[in-house]
Protein backbone atom coordinates (compact mmCIF):
# COMPACT_ATOMS: atom_id res chain seq x y z
CA MET A 1 152.17 173.45 86.80
CA GLN A 2 152.35 172.08 90.37
CA PRO A 3 155.47 172.85 92.41
CA ARG A 4 157.78 169.85 92.55
CA PHE A 5 157.51 169.52 96.35
CA ILE A 6 153.72 168.92 96.32
CA GLN A 7 153.65 166.53 93.37
CA SER A 8 152.57 162.98 94.21
CA THR A 9 155.43 160.53 94.52
CA ALA A 10 153.24 157.43 94.93
CA PRO A 11 153.91 154.96 92.12
CA LYS A 12 151.02 154.24 89.78
CA VAL A 13 149.73 150.70 89.99
CA SER A 14 148.55 149.06 86.77
CA LEU A 15 145.50 146.84 86.43
CA VAL A 16 147.75 143.82 85.94
CA GLU A 17 149.51 144.55 89.23
CA ILE A 18 146.18 144.97 91.00
CA LEU A 19 144.96 141.62 89.69
CA ALA A 20 148.27 140.00 90.61
CA GLY A 21 147.70 141.15 94.16
CA THR A 22 143.98 140.49 94.47
CA ILE A 23 143.41 137.17 92.65
CA PRO A 24 145.73 135.12 94.92
CA ARG A 25 144.28 136.71 98.05
CA ALA A 26 140.69 136.10 96.91
CA LEU A 27 141.47 132.46 96.11
CA ALA A 28 143.15 132.10 99.50
CA LEU A 29 140.14 133.67 101.22
CA PHE A 30 137.74 131.30 99.47
CA PHE A 31 139.66 128.06 100.05
CA GLY A 32 140.74 129.05 103.55
CA GLY A 33 137.27 130.12 104.62
CA PHE A 34 135.56 127.09 103.07
CA THR A 35 138.03 124.71 104.71
CA LEU A 36 137.80 126.29 108.15
CA LEU A 37 133.99 126.40 107.99
CA ASN A 38 133.91 122.68 107.16
CA LEU A 39 136.20 121.83 110.06
CA ALA A 40 134.27 124.02 112.50
CA GLY A 41 130.90 122.82 111.22
CA SER A 42 131.87 119.18 111.69
CA LEU A 43 132.19 119.88 115.42
CA TRP A 44 128.57 121.06 115.46
CA ARG A 45 126.94 118.66 112.98
CA SER A 46 128.07 115.18 111.97
CA ASN A 47 128.72 114.66 108.24
CA PHE A 48 128.92 118.42 107.70
CA ASP A 49 132.55 118.45 106.53
CA ALA A 50 132.55 118.91 102.73
CA ASN A 51 136.30 119.37 102.28
CA LEU A 52 136.28 116.20 100.20
CA TRP A 53 134.56 118.29 97.53
CA TRP A 54 137.82 120.06 96.76
CA ILE A 55 140.64 117.97 98.26
CA ASP A 56 140.90 114.24 99.01
CA LEU A 57 143.16 113.52 101.99
CA ARG A 58 141.75 110.07 102.76
CA ALA A 59 145.15 108.51 102.11
CA LEU A 60 146.30 110.10 105.39
CA PRO A 61 145.12 109.17 108.89
CA GLU A 62 142.22 111.33 110.02
CA MET A 63 144.09 113.40 112.63
CA PRO A 64 147.11 114.36 110.47
CA ALA A 65 144.75 115.20 107.57
CA THR A 66 142.64 117.41 109.83
CA MET A 67 145.68 119.18 111.26
CA LEU A 68 147.07 119.83 107.77
CA LEU A 69 143.76 121.29 106.62
CA LEU A 70 143.51 123.42 109.77
CA LEU A 71 147.04 124.79 109.36
CA ALA A 72 146.57 125.41 105.64
CA SER A 73 143.24 127.18 106.18
CA LEU A 74 144.69 129.50 108.82
CA CYS A 75 147.68 130.28 106.61
CA LEU A 76 145.42 130.95 103.63
CA LEU A 77 143.16 133.26 105.62
CA SER A 78 146.16 135.03 107.11
CA PHE A 79 147.61 135.53 103.63
CA ALA A 80 144.27 136.85 102.36
CA VAL A 81 144.01 139.42 105.16
CA ARG A 82 147.67 140.47 105.16
CA PRO A 83 150.28 138.87 102.89
CA PRO A 84 153.27 137.63 104.91
CA ARG A 85 156.23 139.98 105.21
CA SER A 86 158.34 137.96 107.62
CA VAL A 87 160.34 134.99 106.42
CA TRP A 88 158.84 132.53 108.94
CA ARG A 89 155.26 133.36 107.92
CA ARG A 90 156.14 133.03 104.28
CA LEU A 91 157.79 129.66 104.85
CA LEU A 92 154.86 128.38 106.93
CA THR A 93 152.34 129.49 104.29
CA VAL A 94 154.28 128.05 101.37
CA SER A 95 154.97 124.73 103.11
CA SER A 96 151.39 124.07 104.34
CA VAL A 97 149.67 125.25 101.17
CA GLY A 98 152.31 123.46 99.11
CA LEU A 99 151.43 120.14 100.78
CA VAL A 100 147.76 120.67 99.99
CA ALA A 101 148.64 121.60 96.39
CA ALA A 102 150.72 118.42 96.09
CA THR A 103 147.69 116.46 97.31
CA ALA A 104 145.50 118.12 94.68
CA LEU A 105 148.04 117.09 92.04
CA TRP A 106 147.97 113.52 93.38
CA ASN A 107 144.14 113.58 93.23
CA THR A 108 144.44 114.66 89.59
CA LEU A 109 146.77 111.76 88.79
CA GLU A 110 144.36 109.35 90.53
CA PHE A 111 141.52 110.67 88.36
CA TYR A 112 143.46 110.00 85.17
CA GLN A 113 144.36 106.54 86.43
CA LEU A 114 140.65 105.80 86.92
CA LEU A 115 139.99 107.24 83.46
CA ILE A 116 142.60 104.97 81.86
CA HIS A 117 141.05 101.92 83.52
CA GLY A 118 137.55 102.93 82.42
CA LEU A 119 136.17 103.41 85.94
CA VAL A 120 134.95 106.95 85.21
CA ARG A 121 133.48 108.43 82.04
CA PRO A 122 133.84 112.21 82.04
CA LEU A 123 132.37 114.45 79.37
CA LEU A 124 135.45 116.65 79.76
CA PRO A 125 138.69 114.97 80.89
CA VAL A 126 139.45 117.81 83.32
CA PRO A 127 138.92 116.98 87.02
CA LEU A 128 138.13 119.66 89.56
CA SER A 129 141.33 118.72 91.41
CA LEU A 130 143.34 120.05 88.46
CA LEU A 131 141.61 123.44 88.76
CA VAL A 132 142.26 123.38 92.52
CA PHE A 133 145.92 122.60 91.90
CA ALA A 134 146.22 125.51 89.45
CA SER A 135 144.50 127.88 91.92
CA LEU A 136 146.81 126.89 94.76
CA LEU A 137 149.83 127.42 92.50
CA VAL A 138 148.65 131.01 91.98
CA VAL A 139 148.48 131.46 95.76
CA LEU A 140 151.89 129.83 96.29
CA ARG A 141 153.53 132.03 93.68
CA ALA A 142 152.20 135.19 95.36
CA ALA A 143 152.95 133.96 98.90
CA SER A 144 156.57 133.18 98.06
CA ARG A 145 157.28 136.77 96.95
CA PRO A 146 157.36 140.06 98.85
CA ALA A 147 153.97 141.78 98.93
CA ARG A 148 153.52 144.61 96.43
CA PRO A 149 152.19 147.98 97.65
CA CYS A 150 148.68 148.69 96.41
CA SER A 151 145.72 150.87 97.31
CA PRO A 152 143.85 149.23 100.22
CA ALA A 153 140.50 150.32 98.77
CA LYS A 154 141.24 148.87 95.34
CA THR A 155 142.63 145.70 96.88
CA SER A 156 139.60 145.14 99.12
CA LEU A 157 137.16 145.78 96.27
CA GLY A 158 139.10 143.46 93.98
CA VAL A 159 139.31 140.68 96.56
CA LEU A 160 135.57 140.85 97.32
CA THR A 161 134.69 140.89 93.61
CA ILE A 162 136.81 137.84 92.83
CA LEU A 163 135.55 136.09 95.98
CA ALA A 164 131.99 136.55 94.68
CA LEU A 165 133.09 134.99 91.39
CA CYS A 166 134.55 132.06 93.34
CA LEU A 167 131.27 131.53 95.17
CA VAL A 168 129.56 131.24 91.79
CA GLY A 169 132.37 129.44 90.00
CA PHE A 170 132.83 126.66 92.55
CA PRO A 171 129.31 125.18 92.16
CA VAL A 172 129.51 125.64 88.39
CA ALA A 173 132.83 123.80 88.32
CA GLN A 174 131.22 121.01 90.36
CA MET A 175 128.43 120.72 87.80
CA VAL A 176 130.75 120.75 84.79
CA CYS A 177 133.52 118.52 86.19
CA PHE A 178 131.80 116.23 88.70
CA GLY A 179 128.24 116.33 87.38
CA ASN A 180 129.27 115.40 83.86
CA THR A 181 131.34 112.41 85.01
CA ASP A 182 129.65 109.02 84.83
CA TYR A 183 130.46 106.81 87.84
CA ARG A 184 128.24 103.88 86.85
CA ARG A 185 129.16 100.47 88.26
CA PRO A 186 127.31 97.39 89.55
CA ALA A 187 124.91 98.43 92.32
CA ASP A 188 121.86 97.25 94.19
CA VAL A 189 119.46 99.93 93.00
CA ALA A 190 119.28 103.14 90.97
CA VAL A 191 117.31 106.18 92.14
CA VAL A 192 115.85 108.35 89.37
CA PHE A 193 114.89 111.92 90.29
CA GLY A 194 111.67 113.28 88.82
CA ALA A 195 111.02 116.20 86.51
CA ARG A 196 108.03 117.72 84.79
CA THR A 197 105.15 115.58 83.50
CA TYR A 198 102.70 117.24 81.10
CA VAL A 199 98.91 117.44 81.48
CA ASP A 200 98.38 114.51 79.14
CA GLY A 201 100.71 112.32 81.22
CA ARG A 202 103.69 112.48 78.86
CA PRO A 203 107.10 112.88 80.53
CA SER A 204 109.03 116.00 79.63
CA ASP A 205 112.16 115.49 77.57
CA ALA A 206 114.29 115.96 80.69
CA LEU A 207 112.33 113.32 82.58
CA ALA A 208 112.41 110.93 79.63
CA ASP A 209 116.20 111.31 79.39
CA ARG A 210 116.57 110.36 83.05
CA VAL A 211 114.30 107.33 82.77
CA ARG A 212 115.96 106.09 79.58
CA THR A 213 119.40 106.38 81.19
CA ALA A 214 118.24 104.38 84.24
CA CYS A 215 116.59 101.74 82.05
CA GLN A 216 119.86 101.31 80.17
CA LEU A 217 121.60 100.65 83.49
CA TYR A 218 118.93 98.04 84.19
CA ARG A 219 119.28 96.38 80.78
CA ASP A 220 123.07 96.33 81.13
CA GLY A 221 122.68 94.36 84.36
CA LEU A 222 124.24 97.05 86.56
CA VAL A 223 121.14 97.31 88.77
CA LYS A 224 118.24 94.99 89.50
CA LYS A 225 115.81 97.57 90.90
CA LEU A 226 114.78 101.11 89.94
CA ILE A 227 113.30 103.69 92.32
CA PHE A 228 111.35 106.51 90.68
CA SER A 229 110.90 109.56 92.90
CA GLY A 230 108.91 112.68 92.12
CA GLY A 231 105.90 114.84 92.81
CA PRO A 232 102.56 115.65 91.16
CA GLY A 233 102.48 116.24 87.40
CA ASP A 234 100.78 119.09 85.54
CA GLY A 235 97.66 116.93 85.24
CA ALA A 236 96.19 113.85 86.88
CA VAL A 237 99.21 111.64 86.09
CA HIS A 238 101.88 111.66 88.77
CA GLU A 239 105.53 112.05 87.75
CA THR A 240 106.38 108.60 89.10
CA GLU A 241 103.51 107.01 87.16
CA SER A 242 104.71 108.61 83.94
CA MET A 243 108.20 107.32 84.70
CA ARG A 244 106.89 103.83 85.43
CA ARG A 245 104.92 103.67 82.17
CA LEU A 246 107.97 104.65 80.12
CA ALA A 247 110.17 102.15 81.96
CA LEU A 248 107.70 99.34 81.27
CA ARG A 249 107.77 100.20 77.56
CA LEU A 250 111.58 100.07 77.70
CA GLY A 251 111.60 96.53 79.05
CA VAL A 252 111.80 96.95 82.83
CA LYS A 253 109.77 94.38 84.75
CA SER A 254 106.96 95.79 86.89
CA GLU A 255 108.20 94.00 90.02
CA ASP A 256 111.59 95.70 89.66
CA ILE A 257 110.10 99.20 89.89
CA LEU A 258 109.52 101.04 93.18
CA THR A 259 108.05 104.52 93.46
CA ASP A 260 108.37 107.38 95.92
CA THR A 261 105.38 109.63 95.30
CA ALA A 262 106.41 112.11 98.01
CA GLY A 263 109.70 113.15 96.37
CA LEU A 264 108.71 116.80 96.17
CA ASN A 265 112.30 118.02 96.29
CA THR A 266 115.83 116.67 96.52
CA GLN A 267 115.93 116.47 100.31
CA ALA A 268 112.57 114.69 100.43
CA THR A 269 113.74 112.11 97.92
CA VAL A 270 116.88 111.45 99.93
CA LYS A 271 114.89 110.97 103.12
CA ASN A 272 112.20 108.79 101.53
CA THR A 273 114.55 106.53 99.61
CA GLU A 274 116.57 105.71 102.72
CA ALA A 275 113.60 103.65 103.96
CA LEU A 276 113.44 101.88 100.59
CA PHE A 277 117.17 101.09 100.76
CA ALA A 278 116.60 99.36 104.10
CA ARG A 279 113.65 97.46 102.67
CA LEU A 280 115.75 96.25 99.73
CA ASN A 281 118.86 95.70 101.88
CA ALA A 282 120.65 97.94 99.39
CA HIS A 283 124.16 99.21 100.12
CA ARG A 284 125.57 100.41 96.79
CA ILE A 285 123.38 103.06 95.18
CA LEU A 286 123.37 104.77 91.78
CA VAL A 287 121.50 108.05 91.32
CA VAL A 288 120.38 109.39 87.96
CA SER A 289 119.57 113.00 87.16
CA HIS A 290 120.90 115.78 84.96
CA PHE A 291 124.50 116.84 85.45
CA TYR A 292 123.69 120.19 87.02
CA HIS A 293 121.58 118.48 89.73
CA LEU A 294 124.02 115.70 90.67
CA PRO A 295 126.43 117.67 92.93
CA ARG A 296 123.55 118.71 95.18
CA ILE A 297 122.17 115.16 95.20
CA LYS A 298 125.59 113.79 96.12
CA LEU A 299 125.90 116.35 98.94
CA ALA A 300 122.42 115.59 100.29
CA TYR A 301 123.04 111.83 100.38
CA GLN A 302 126.50 112.36 101.85
CA ARG A 303 124.98 114.39 104.67
CA SER A 304 122.68 111.43 105.39
CA GLY A 305 125.62 109.03 105.54
CA TRP A 306 125.27 107.52 102.04
CA ASP A 307 128.13 107.46 99.53
CA VAL A 308 126.16 107.19 96.28
CA TYR A 309 127.51 106.97 92.72
CA THR A 310 126.17 109.50 90.24
CA VAL A 311 125.17 108.89 86.61
CA PRO A 312 124.28 111.92 84.46
CA ALA A 313 121.25 111.53 82.23
CA LYS A 314 122.12 111.07 78.58
CA GLU A 315 120.45 114.00 76.87
CA SER A 316 118.67 113.43 73.57
CA TYR A 317 119.47 117.06 72.72
CA PHE A 318 120.67 120.20 74.51
CA LEU A 319 117.77 121.42 76.63
CA ARG A 320 117.08 125.16 76.43
CA GLN A 321 116.46 125.44 80.16
CA ILE A 322 119.90 124.11 81.14
CA PRO A 323 121.54 127.57 81.56
CA TYR A 324 118.64 128.61 83.80
CA SER A 325 118.81 125.32 85.72
CA MET A 326 122.55 125.75 86.27
CA ALA A 327 122.06 129.32 87.49
CA ARG A 328 119.36 128.13 89.91
CA GLU A 329 121.62 125.38 91.23
CA VAL A 330 124.30 127.85 92.36
CA PRO A 331 122.33 129.30 95.32
CA ALA A 332 120.60 125.95 95.87
CA MET A 333 123.97 124.26 96.34
CA TRP A 334 125.06 126.77 98.98
CA VAL A 335 121.67 126.57 100.75
CA TYR A 336 121.95 122.77 100.99
CA TYR A 337 125.53 123.13 102.16
CA LEU A 338 124.70 125.57 104.98
CA ARG A 339 121.34 124.07 105.97
CA PRO A 340 122.67 121.78 108.77
CA LEU A 341 124.18 124.80 110.53
CA LEU A 342 120.97 126.81 110.27
CA SER A 343 118.52 124.12 111.30
């Protein structure tokens, strides 16, 4: 038996206590870092700021909104690195983050107001702003209390692990919440993004779902023109030709169909369709693709100065490749997000 004077007196920390200390700090690190990067990036590249993807402060004048986000991001990062011990730091953190949390709650109420009036059609009636509000409440609860002692090594490992989960979870939440919400409304044109076309010229089920959804918009009188964008098929029939043939069978007039045969990827489609928008004098745009693809499409158009409305393709059945497609979209979303800073 060890002598009493050399026995460890350090209190044991349970897993629950470790999580209680690491989850709020990881959330603060993610939201604080993402916000500050957006603000800094906007100084380097126009239209880079993507803070609208998690918080909508457009009800405030631009300067006060920017200052609030800057203060909140610095307080969040400061909390993530070293939780506040002084009263003034705690008050500053709670007040700034609390204002942002209140805004997220207001965004949530606005979403449900739009839902009641039928202006949005979500698959799941849970907006991303509600998840943001819940996350900020976790941070506020931890920031308003004295910091608990914990092993620095365990804390750092826990924060980095949960941060990695946030980097995956944020794009997934965008796909599930935003991507699955139908924002259809009267517009000038709908852009349909291509997918695989088989050797015999038949559209894949994914492509057929997208075309059928766009044709329904056309038949409902929401759009007068359709733009089909894609690349080469598996055989001699181009993706856009396969899309055009199906649309003609579904009642779309030939003169109301435009094609972009150089839409080899999302960014190419965005660039190519901008010229078609000018040709059609189009200002309000709908875009149709599968739900997992829509957040990246929205981001790409937003970066080009276009505020498009997204419509998820109505699936005839659950496609087996959807889990793989969602997993692929996670890094693709971050690549598209960071691309303006790297180019």
